[in-house]
Amino acid sequence: MTLPKDLRKKFRLEEGDKVVLIPLEDGIMLKHSLNPLRELRGVLRQEIDVQKASRFIRELRKGWRLE
């Protein structure tokens, strides 16, 4: 797919960059492809108890503080 230079520059797209085309009712939205690490975001969301993880981090940080 060829995009005009001014659009490539404005949205920091370079030759070989991967993009995602999202169909909309009145056209197509083009977005940067996600970084492979960002694609994993949310995969373990059901596996992690956020409150338990927050308590663990809070306790860990208390141990790091100098008193």
C-alpha atoms as a PDB file:
ATOM      1  CA  MET A   1       0.000   0.000   0.000  1.00  0.00           C
ATOM      2  CA  THR A   2       1.362   3.421  -0.866  1.00  0.00           C
ATOM      3  CA  LEU A   3       0.689   6.437   1.334  1.00  0.00           C
ATOM      4  CA  PRO A   4       1.505  10.045   0.463  1.00  0.00           C
ATOM      5  CA  LYS A   5       4.803  11.265   1.935  1.00  0.00           C
ATOM      6  CA  ASP A   6       3.143  13.989   4.048  1.00  0.00           C
ATOM      7  CA  LEU A   7       0.908  11.387   5.763  1.00  0.00           C
ATOM      8  CA  ARG A   8       3.831   8.993   6.325  1.00  0.00           C
ATOM      9  CA  LYS A   9       5.831  11.809   7.901  1.00  0.00           C
ATOM     10  CA  LYS A  10       2.941  13.092  10.028  1.00  0.00           C
ATOM     11  CA  PHE A  11       2.203   9.645  11.454  1.00  0.00           C
ATOM     12  CA  ARG A  12       5.848   8.480  11.599  1.00  0.00           C
ATOM     13  CA  LEU A  13       5.374   5.603   9.184  1.00  0.00           C
ATOM     14  CA  GLU A  14       8.352   4.238   7.319  1.00  0.00           C
ATOM     15  CA  GLU A  15       8.763   1.734   4.525  1.00  0.00           C
ATOM     16  CA  GLY A  16       8.231  -1.780   5.853  1.00  0.00           C
ATOM     17  CA  ASP A  17       6.252  -0.703   8.937  1.00  0.00           C
ATOM     18  CA  LYS A  18       3.331  -2.952   9.739  1.00  0.00           C
ATOM     19  CA  VAL A  19      -0.105  -1.410  10.090  1.00  0.00           C
ATOM     20  CA  VAL A  20      -3.581  -2.639  10.925  1.00  0.00           C
ATOM     21  CA  LEU A  21      -6.588  -1.772   8.775  1.00  0.00           C
ATOM     22  CA  ILE A  22      -9.810  -1.450  10.764  1.00  0.00           C
ATOM     23  CA  PRO A  23     -13.047  -1.468   8.765  1.00  0.00           C
ATOM     24  CA  LEU A  24     -15.540   1.256   9.691  1.00  0.00           C
ATOM     25  CA  GLU A  25     -19.008   1.955   8.332  1.00  0.00           C
ATOM     26  CA  ASP A  26     -17.790   4.884   6.255  1.00  0.00           C
ATOM     27  CA  GLY A  27     -14.222   3.829   5.448  1.00  0.00           C
ATOM     28  CA  ILE A  28     -11.086   2.242   6.845  1.00  0.00           C
ATOM     29  CA  MET A  29      -8.950   3.304   9.805  1.00  0.00           C
ATOM     30  CA  LEU A  30      -5.229   2.654   9.498  1.00  0.00           C
ATOM     31  CA  LYS A  31      -3.282   2.219  12.766  1.00  0.00           C
ATOM     32  CA  HIS A  32       0.260   1.304  13.680  1.00  0.00           C
ATOM     33  CA  SER A  33       0.626  -2.402  14.325  1.00  0.00           C
ATOM     34  CA  LEU A  34       1.036  -3.127  18.024  1.00  0.00           C
ATOM     35  CA  ASN A  35       4.419  -3.869  19.472  1.00  0.00           C
ATOM     36  CA  PRO A  36       4.553  -7.664  20.109  1.00  0.00           C
ATOM     37  CA  LEU A  37       4.838  -7.045  23.867  1.00  0.00           C
ATOM     38  CA  ARG A  38       1.822  -4.735  23.836  1.00  0.00           C
ATOM     39  CA  GLU A  39      -0.165  -7.437  22.024  1.00  0.00           C
ATOM     40  CA  LEU A  40       0.219  -9.576  25.156  1.00  0.00           C
ATOM     41  CA  ARG A  41      -1.356  -6.876  27.322  1.00  0.00           C
ATOM     42  CA  GLY A  42      -4.448  -8.238  28.991  1.00  0.00           C
ATOM     43  CA  VAL A  43      -3.732 -11.878  28.137  1.00  0.00           C
ATOM     44  CA  LEU A  44      -3.211 -12.777  31.799  1.00  0.00           C
ATOM     45  CA  ARG A  45      -5.791 -10.343  33.154  1.00  0.00           C
ATOM     46  CA  GLN A  46      -8.086 -13.152  34.328  1.00  0.00           C
ATOM     47  CA  GLU A  47      -5.135 -15.001  35.865  1.00  0.00           C
ATOM     48  CA  ILE A  48      -4.024 -12.137  38.127  1.00  0.00           C
ATOM     49  CA  ASP A  49      -5.783 -10.905  41.253  1.00  0.00           C
ATOM     50  CA  VAL A  50      -5.058  -7.180  40.935  1.00  0.00           C
ATOM     51  CA  GLN A  51      -5.746  -6.409  44.602  1.00  0.00           C
ATOM     52  CA  LYS A  52      -3.455  -9.220  45.753  1.00  0.00           C
ATOM     53  CA  ALA A  53      -0.728  -8.044  43.365  1.00  0.00           C
ATOM     54  CA  SER A  54      -1.094  -4.442  44.624  1.00  0.00           C
ATOM     55  CA  ARG A  55      -0.733  -5.564  48.245  1.00  0.00           C
ATOM     56  CA  PHE A  56       2.351  -7.597  47.340  1.00  0.00           C
ATOM     57  CA  ILE A  57       3.946  -4.608  45.570  1.00  0.00           C
ATOM     58  CA  ARG A  58       3.102  -2.276  48.464  1.00  0.00           C
ATOM     59  CA  GLU A  59       4.740  -4.645  50.979  1.00  0.00           C
ATOM     60  CA  LEU A  60       7.765  -5.095  48.750  1.00  0.00           C
ATOM     61  CA  ARG A  61       8.204  -1.324  48.433  1.00  0.00           C
ATOM     62  CA  LYS A  62       7.986  -0.929  52.239  1.00  0.00           C
ATOM     63  CA  GLY A  63      10.996  -3.232  52.519  1.00  0.00           C
ATOM     64  CA  TRP A  64      12.955  -1.053  50.095  1.00  0.00           C
ATOM     65  CA  ARG A  65      12.437   2.163  52.068  1.00  0.00           C
ATOM     66  CA  LEU A  66      15.311   3.378  54.187  1.00  0.00           C
ATOM     67  CA  GLU A  67      14.303   4.132  57.727  1.00  0.00           C
END
